[in-house]
Amino acid sequence: MKLQGEVLLEVLFGANGQLHVSRVVRGLGHGLDEAASAAANKMRFKPAMRSGVPVDSTAVVHVVFQLAY
């Protein structure tokens, strides 16, 4: 189908080191939203810190699908 574009995911980065995709903010469909969520779930991160204590944080993650030429 030669689709390309960007999927925006709202992601919760947990203080316990767990990542959770809360919702698809903007999707492309055709299975790319699910592929973006699967890729996000493989991300590794260090939890945000507040006063030296790990805390939950939320961010919008951009996953770009681009055709290779």
PDB file of N, CA and C in Angstrom:
ATOM      1  N   MET A   1       0.817  -1.201   0.000  1.00  0.00           N
ATOM      2  CA  MET A   1       0.000   0.000   0.000  1.00  0.00           C
ATOM      3  C   MET A   1       0.858   1.262   0.000  1.00  0.00           C
ATOM      4  N   LYS A   2       2.146   1.103   0.298  1.00  0.00           N
ATOM      5  CA  LYS A   2       3.085   2.223   0.279  1.00  0.00           C
ATOM      6  C   LYS A   2       2.627   3.377   1.174  1.00  0.00           C
ATOM      7  N   LEU A   3       2.234   3.039   2.406  1.00  0.00           N
ATOM      8  CA  LEU A   3       1.827   4.053   3.371  1.00  0.00           C
ATOM      9  C   LEU A   3       3.029   4.552   4.141  1.00  0.00           C
ATOM     10  N   GLN A   4       3.016   5.826   4.435  1.00  0.00           N
ATOM     11  CA  GLN A   4       4.011   6.389   5.318  1.00  0.00           C
ATOM     12  C   GLN A   4       3.375   7.525   6.087  1.00  0.00           C
ATOM     13  N   GLY A   5       3.966   7.866   7.207  1.00  0.00           N
ATOM     14  CA  GLY A   5       3.432   8.932   8.032  1.00  0.00           C
ATOM     15  C   GLY A   5       3.848   8.727   9.476  1.00  0.00           C
ATOM     16  N   GLU A   6       3.121   9.394  10.360  1.00  0.00           N
ATOM     17  CA  GLU A   6       3.493   9.423  11.766  1.00  0.00           C
ATOM     18  C   GLU A   6       2.322   8.989  12.638  1.00  0.00           C
ATOM     19  N   VAL A   7       2.597   8.142  13.617  1.00  0.00           N
ATOM     20  CA  VAL A   7       1.603   7.731  14.602  1.00  0.00           C
ATOM     21  C   VAL A   7       1.999   8.387  15.923  1.00  0.00           C
ATOM     22  N   LEU A   8       1.051   9.037  16.577  1.00  0.00           N
ATOM     23  CA  LEU A   8       1.305   9.669  17.871  1.00  0.00           C
ATOM     24  C   LEU A   8       0.649   8.838  18.957  1.00  0.00           C
ATOM     25  N   LEU A   9       1.439   8.458  19.962  1.00  0.00           N
ATOM     26  CA  LEU A   9       0.963   7.637  21.067  1.00  0.00           C
ATOM     27  C   LEU A   9       1.136   8.383  22.381  1.00  0.00           C
ATOM     28  N   GLU A  10       0.109   8.349  23.223  1.00  0.00           N
ATOM     29  CA  GLU A  10       0.251   8.863  24.579  1.00  0.00           C
ATOM     30  C   GLU A  10       0.755   7.703  25.429  1.00  0.00           C
ATOM     31  N   VAL A  11       1.902   7.907  26.075  1.00  0.00           N
ATOM     32  CA  VAL A  11       2.574   6.828  26.790  1.00  0.00           C
ATOM     33  C   VAL A  11       2.801   7.231  28.244  1.00  0.00           C
ATOM     34  N   LEU A  12       2.537   6.292  29.152  1.00  0.00           N
ATOM     35  CA  LEU A  12       2.831   6.477  30.568  1.00  0.00           C
ATOM     36  C   LEU A  12       4.123   5.741  30.873  1.00  0.00           C
ATOM     37  N   PHE A  13       5.131   6.500  31.308  1.00  0.00           N
ATOM     38  CA  PHE A  13       6.400   5.926  31.744  1.00  0.00           C
ATOM     39  C   PHE A  13       6.314   5.788  33.255  1.00  0.00           C
ATOM     40  N   GLY A  14       6.207   4.564  33.741  1.00  0.00           N
ATOM     41  CA  GLY A  14       5.995   4.313  35.156  1.00  0.00           C
ATOM     42  C   GLY A  14       7.258   4.425  35.987  1.00  0.00           C
ATOM     43  N   ALA A  15       7.087   4.822  37.233  1.00  0.00           N
ATOM     44  CA  ALA A  15       8.201   4.918  38.176  1.00  0.00           C
ATOM     45  C   ALA A  15       8.814   3.540  38.411  1.00  0.00           C
ATOM     46  N   ASN A  16       8.027   2.497  38.190  1.00  0.00           N
ATOM     47  CA  ASN A  16       8.505   1.124  38.416  1.00  0.00           C
ATOM     48  C   ASN A  16       9.224   0.546  37.197  1.00  0.00           C
ATOM     49  N   GLY A  17       9.406   1.351  36.138  1.00  0.00           N
ATOM     50  CA  GLY A  17      10.102   0.886  34.948  1.00  0.00           C
ATOM     51  C   GLY A  17       9.206   0.287  33.885  1.00  0.00           C
ATOM     52  N   GLN A  18       7.903   0.249  34.149  1.00  0.00           N
ATOM     53  CA  GLN A  18       6.949  -0.283  33.176  1.00  0.00           C
ATOM     54  C   GLN A  18       6.456   0.837  32.255  1.00  0.00           C
ATOM     55  N   LEU A  19       6.222   0.493  31.006  1.00  0.00           N
ATOM     56  CA  LEU A  19       5.689   1.431  30.022  1.00  0.00           C
ATOM     57  C   LEU A  19       4.290   0.984  29.637  1.00  0.00           C
ATOM     58  N   HIS A  20       3.366   1.939  29.501  1.00  0.00           N
ATOM     59  CA  HIS A  20       1.999   1.610  29.099  1.00  0.00           C
ATOM     60  C   HIS A  20       1.537   2.614  28.050  1.00  0.00           C
ATOM     61  N   VAL A  21       1.112   2.114  26.892  1.00  0.00           N
ATOM     62  CA  VAL A  21       0.547   2.980  25.853  1.00  0.00           C
ATOM     63  C   VAL A  21      -0.894   3.262  26.242  1.00  0.00           C
ATOM     64  N   SER A  22      -1.183   4.519  26.601  1.00  0.00           N
ATOM     65  CA  SER A  22      -2.517   4.901  27.062  1.00  0.00           C
ATOM     66  C   SER A  22      -3.526   4.963  25.920  1.00  0.00           C
ATOM     67  N   ARG A  23      -3.103   5.604  24.817  1.00  0.00           N
ATOM     68  CA  ARG A  23      -4.030   5.738  23.682  1.00  0.00           C
ATOM     69  C   ARG A  23      -3.259   6.177  22.447  1.00  0.00           C
ATOM     70  N   VAL A  24      -3.894   5.995  21.307  1.00  0.00           N
ATOM     71  CA  VAL A  24      -3.367   6.496  20.038  1.00  0.00           C
ATOM     72  C   VAL A  24      -3.939   7.895  19.863  1.00  0.00           C
ATOM     73  N   VAL A  25      -3.075   8.902  19.857  1.00  0.00           N
ATOM     74  CA  VAL A  25      -3.511  10.284  19.694  1.00  0.00           C
ATOM     75  C   VAL A  25      -3.883  10.535  18.238  1.00  0.00           C
ATOM     76  N   ARG A  26      -2.999  10.106  17.323  1.00  0.00           N
ATOM     77  CA  ARG A  26      -3.276  10.216  15.884  1.00  0.00           C
ATOM     78  C   ARG A  26      -2.704   8.977  15.209  1.00  0.00           C
ATOM     79  N   GLY A  27      -3.531   8.256  14.514  1.00  0.00           N
ATOM     80  CA  GLY A  27      -3.109   7.012  13.894  1.00  0.00           C
ATOM     81  C   GLY A  27      -3.150   7.050  12.384  1.00  0.00           C
ATOM     82  N   LEU A  28      -2.616   5.989  11.790  1.00  0.00           N
ATOM     83  CA  LEU A  28      -2.622   5.836  10.337  1.00  0.00           C
ATOM     84  C   LEU A  28      -3.513   4.690   9.878  1.00  0.00           C
ATOM     85  N   GLY A  29      -3.867   3.784  10.814  1.00  0.00           N
ATOM     86  CA  GLY A  29      -4.670   2.628  10.432  1.00  0.00           C
ATOM     87  C   GLY A  29      -3.843   1.589   9.703  1.00  0.00           C
ATOM     88  N   HIS A  30      -4.501   0.632   9.083  1.00  0.00           N
ATOM     89  CA  HIS A  30      -3.876  -0.418   8.277  1.00  0.00           C
ATOM     90  C   HIS A  30      -2.826  -1.215   9.055  1.00  0.00           C
ATOM     91  N   GLY A  31      -3.000  -1.344  10.381  1.00  0.00           N
ATOM     92  CA  GLY A  31      -2.083  -2.103  11.201  1.00  0.00           C
ATOM     93  C   GLY A  31      -0.873  -1.326  11.704  1.00  0.00           C
ATOM     94  N   LEU A  32      -0.704  -0.100  11.223  1.00  0.00           N
ATOM     95  CA  LEU A  32       0.461   0.687  11.633  1.00  0.00           C
ATOM     96  C   LEU A  32       0.328   1.192  13.071  1.00  0.00           C
ATOM     97  N   ASP A  33      -0.892   1.443  13.528  1.00  0.00           N
ATOM     98  CA  ASP A  33      -1.096   1.874  14.918  1.00  0.00           C
ATOM     99  C   ASP A  33      -0.645   0.773  15.877  1.00  0.00           C
ATOM    100  N   GLU A  34      -0.999  -0.457  15.565  1.00  0.00           N
ATOM    101  CA  GLU A  34      -0.607  -1.594  16.395  1.00  0.00           C
ATOM    102  C   GLU A  34       0.901  -1.811  16.341  1.00  0.00           C
ATOM    103  N   ALA A  35       1.493  -1.628  15.161  1.00  0.00           N
ATOM    104  CA  ALA A  35       2.945  -1.778  15.015  1.00  0.00           C
ATOM    105  C   ALA A  35       3.673  -0.701  15.817  1.00  0.00           C
ATOM    106  N   ALA A  36       3.136   0.500  15.831  1.00  0.00           N
ATOM    107  CA  ALA A  36       3.742   1.587  16.613  1.00  0.00           C
ATOM    108  C   ALA A  36       3.648   1.285  18.106  1.00  0.00           C
ATOM    109  N   SER A  37       2.513   0.763  18.553  1.00  0.00           N
ATOM    110  CA  SER A  37       2.346   0.403  19.961  1.00  0.00           C
ATOM    111  C   SER A  37       3.314  -0.711  20.347  1.00  0.00           C
ATOM    112  N   ALA A  38       3.484  -1.690  19.484  1.00  0.00           N
ATOM    113  CA  ALA A  38       4.413  -2.791  19.754  1.00  0.00           C
ATOM    114  C   ALA A  38       5.842  -2.271  19.846  1.00  0.00           C
ATOM    115  N   ALA A  39       6.201  -1.343  18.963  1.00  0.00           N
ATOM    116  CA  ALA A  39       7.549  -0.766  18.994  1.00  0.00           C
ATOM    117  C   ALA A  39       7.750   0.039  20.275  1.00  0.00           C
ATOM    118  N   ALA A  40       6.742   0.810  20.676  1.00  0.00           N
ATOM    119  CA  ALA A  40       6.841   1.613  21.900  1.00  0.00           C
ATOM    120  C   ALA A  40       7.015   0.712  23.119  1.00  0.00           C
ATOM    121  N   ASN A  41       6.342  -0.426  23.137  1.00  0.00           N
ATOM    122  CA  ASN A  41       6.438  -1.332  24.281  1.00  0.00           C
ATOM    123  C   ASN A  41       7.835  -1.942  24.433  1.00  0.00           C
ATOM    124  N   LYS A  42       8.656  -1.858  23.404  1.00  0.00           N
ATOM    125  CA  LYS A  42      10.024  -2.372  23.471  1.00  0.00           C
ATOM    126  C   LYS A  42      11.021  -1.296  23.918  1.00  0.00           C
ATOM    127  N   MET A  43      10.541  -0.072  24.090  1.00  0.00           N
ATOM    128  CA  MET A  43      11.432   1.015  24.502  1.00  0.00           C
ATOM    129  C   MET A  43      11.973   0.766  25.904  1.00  0.00           C
ATOM    130  N   ARG A  44      13.220   1.188  26.119  1.00  0.00           N
ATOM    131  CA  ARG A  44      13.821   1.114  27.442  1.00  0.00           C
ATOM    132  C   ARG A  44      14.027   2.552  27.907  1.00  0.00           C
ATOM    133  N   PHE A  45      13.839   2.790  29.202  1.00  0.00           N
ATOM    134  CA  PHE A  45      13.933   4.152  29.713  1.00  0.00           C
ATOM    135  C   PHE A  45      14.304   4.140  31.190  1.00  0.00           C
ATOM    136  N   LYS A  46      14.758   5.281  31.653  1.00  0.00           N
ATOM    137  CA  LYS A  46      14.969   5.501  33.082  1.00  0.00           C
ATOM    138  C   LYS A  46      13.809   6.362  33.559  1.00  0.00           C
ATOM    139  N   PRO A  47      13.170   6.005  34.670  1.00  0.00           N
ATOM    140  CA  PRO A  47      12.034   6.787  35.154  1.00  0.00           C
ATOM    141  C   PRO A  47      12.438   8.229  35.477  1.00  0.00           C
ATOM    142  N   ALA A  48      11.478   9.133  35.321  1.00  0.00           N
ATOM    143  CA  ALA A  48      11.688  10.526  35.710  1.00  0.00           C
ATOM    144  C   ALA A  48      11.908  10.579  37.220  1.00  0.00           C
ATOM    145  N   MET A  49      12.689  11.557  37.651  1.00  0.00           N
ATOM    146  CA  MET A  49      12.992  11.692  39.074  1.00  0.00           C
ATOM    147  C   MET A  49      12.480  13.033  39.580  1.00  0.00           C
ATOM    148  N   ARG A  50      11.944  13.015  40.784  1.00  0.00           N
ATOM    149  CA  ARG A  50      11.537  14.242  41.461  1.00  0.00           C
ATOM    150  C   ARG A  50      12.057  14.144  42.890  1.00  0.00           C
ATOM    151  N   SER A  51      12.935  15.050  43.255  1.00  0.00           N
ATOM    152  CA  SER A  51      13.569  15.049  44.578  1.00  0.00           C
ATOM    153  C   SER A  51      14.253  13.711  44.864  1.00  0.00           C
ATOM    154  N   GLY A  52      14.853  13.134  43.828  1.00  0.00           N
ATOM    155  CA  GLY A  52      15.584  11.890  43.980  1.00  0.00           C
ATOM    156  C   GLY A  52      14.736  10.637  44.042  1.00  0.00           C
ATOM    157  N   VAL A  53      13.417  10.791  43.828  1.00  0.00           N
ATOM    158  CA  VAL A  53      12.495   9.662  43.889  1.00  0.00           C
ATOM    159  C   VAL A  53      11.892   9.433  42.498  1.00  0.00           C
ATOM    160  N   PRO A  54      11.871   8.182  41.998  1.00  0.00           N
ATOM    161  CA  PRO A  54      11.248   7.916  40.692  1.00  0.00           C
ATOM    162  C   PRO A  54       9.750   8.228  40.720  1.00  0.00           C
ATOM    163  N   VAL A  55       9.263   8.853  39.641  1.00  0.00           N
ATOM    164  CA  VAL A  55       7.847   9.199  39.536  1.00  0.00           C
ATOM    165  C   VAL A  55       7.324   8.809  38.160  1.00  0.00           C
ATOM    166  N   ASP A  56       6.014   8.633  38.067  1.00  0.00           N
ATOM    167  CA  ASP A  56       5.363   8.395  36.777  1.00  0.00           C
ATOM    168  C   ASP A  56       5.433   9.667  35.941  1.00  0.00           C
ATOM    169  N   SER A  57       5.512   9.500  34.631  1.00  0.00           N
ATOM    170  CA  SER A  57       5.447  10.648  33.727  1.00  0.00           C
ATOM    171  C   SER A  57       4.728  10.224  32.450  1.00  0.00           C
ATOM    172  N   THR A  58       4.141  11.187  31.792  1.00  0.00           N
ATOM    173  CA  THR A  58       3.396  10.939  30.559  1.00  0.00           C
ATOM    174  C   THR A  58       4.024  11.769  29.443  1.00  0.00           C
ATOM    175  N   ALA A  59       4.057  11.192  28.244  1.00  0.00           N
ATOM    176  CA  ALA A  59       4.597  11.904  27.086  1.00  0.00           C
ATOM    177  C   ALA A  59       3.888  11.416  25.837  1.00  0.00           C
ATOM    178  N   VAL A  60       3.978  12.216  24.795  1.00  0.00           N
ATOM    179  CA  VAL A  60       3.484  11.815  23.482  1.00  0.00           C
ATOM    180  C   VAL A  60       4.694  11.353  22.677  1.00  0.00           C
ATOM    181  N   VAL A  61       4.644  10.113  22.222  1.00  0.00           N
ATOM    182  CA  VAL A  61       5.745   9.509  21.465  1.00  0.00           C
ATOM    183  C   VAL A  61       5.367   9.514  19.986  1.00  0.00           C
ATOM    184  N   HIS A  62       6.292   9.975  19.154  1.00  0.00           N
ATOM    185  CA  HIS A  62       6.088  10.016  17.706  1.00  0.00           C
ATOM    186  C   HIS A  62       6.796   8.815  17.088  1.00  0.00           C
ATOM    187  N   VAL A  63       6.049   7.994  16.359  1.00  0.00           N
ATOM    188  CA  VAL A  63       6.625   6.850  15.639  1.00  0.00           C
ATOM    189  C   VAL A  63       6.426   7.140  14.156  1.00  0.00           C
ATOM    190  N   VAL A  64       7.547   7.267  13.441  1.00  0.00           N
ATOM    191  CA  VAL A  64       7.497   7.644  12.036  1.00  0.00           C
ATOM    192  C   VAL A  64       7.698   6.416  11.157  1.00  0.00           C
ATOM    193  N   PHE A  65       6.794   6.233  10.216  1.00  0.00           N
ATOM    194  CA  PHE A  65       6.899   5.171   9.208  1.00  0.00           C
ATOM    195  C   PHE A  65       7.270   5.857   7.887  1.00  0.00           C
ATOM    196  N   GLN A  66       8.429   5.466   7.349  1.00  0.00           N
ATOM    197  CA  GLN A  66       8.923   6.110   6.129  1.00  0.00           C
ATOM    198  C   GLN A  66       9.364   5.038   5.150  1.00  0.00           C
ATOM    199  N   LEU A  67       8.974   5.183   3.919  1.00  0.00           N
ATOM    200  CA  LEU A  67       9.366   4.234   2.877  1.00  0.00           C
ATOM    201  C   LEU A  67      10.842   4.394   2.572  1.00  0.00           C
ATOM    202  N   ALA A  68      11.535   3.287   2.403  1.00  0.00           N
ATOM    203  CA  ALA A  68      12.935   3.316   2.009  1.00  0.00           C
ATOM    204  C   ALA A  68      13.016   3.243   0.490  1.00  0.00           C
ATOM    205  N   TYR A  69      13.880   4.026  -0.073  1.00  0.00           N
ATOM    206  CA  TYR A  69      14.003   4.055  -1.525  1.00  0.00           C
ATOM    207  C   TYR A  69      15.309   3.471  -1.951  1.00  0.00           C
TER     208      TYR A  69
END
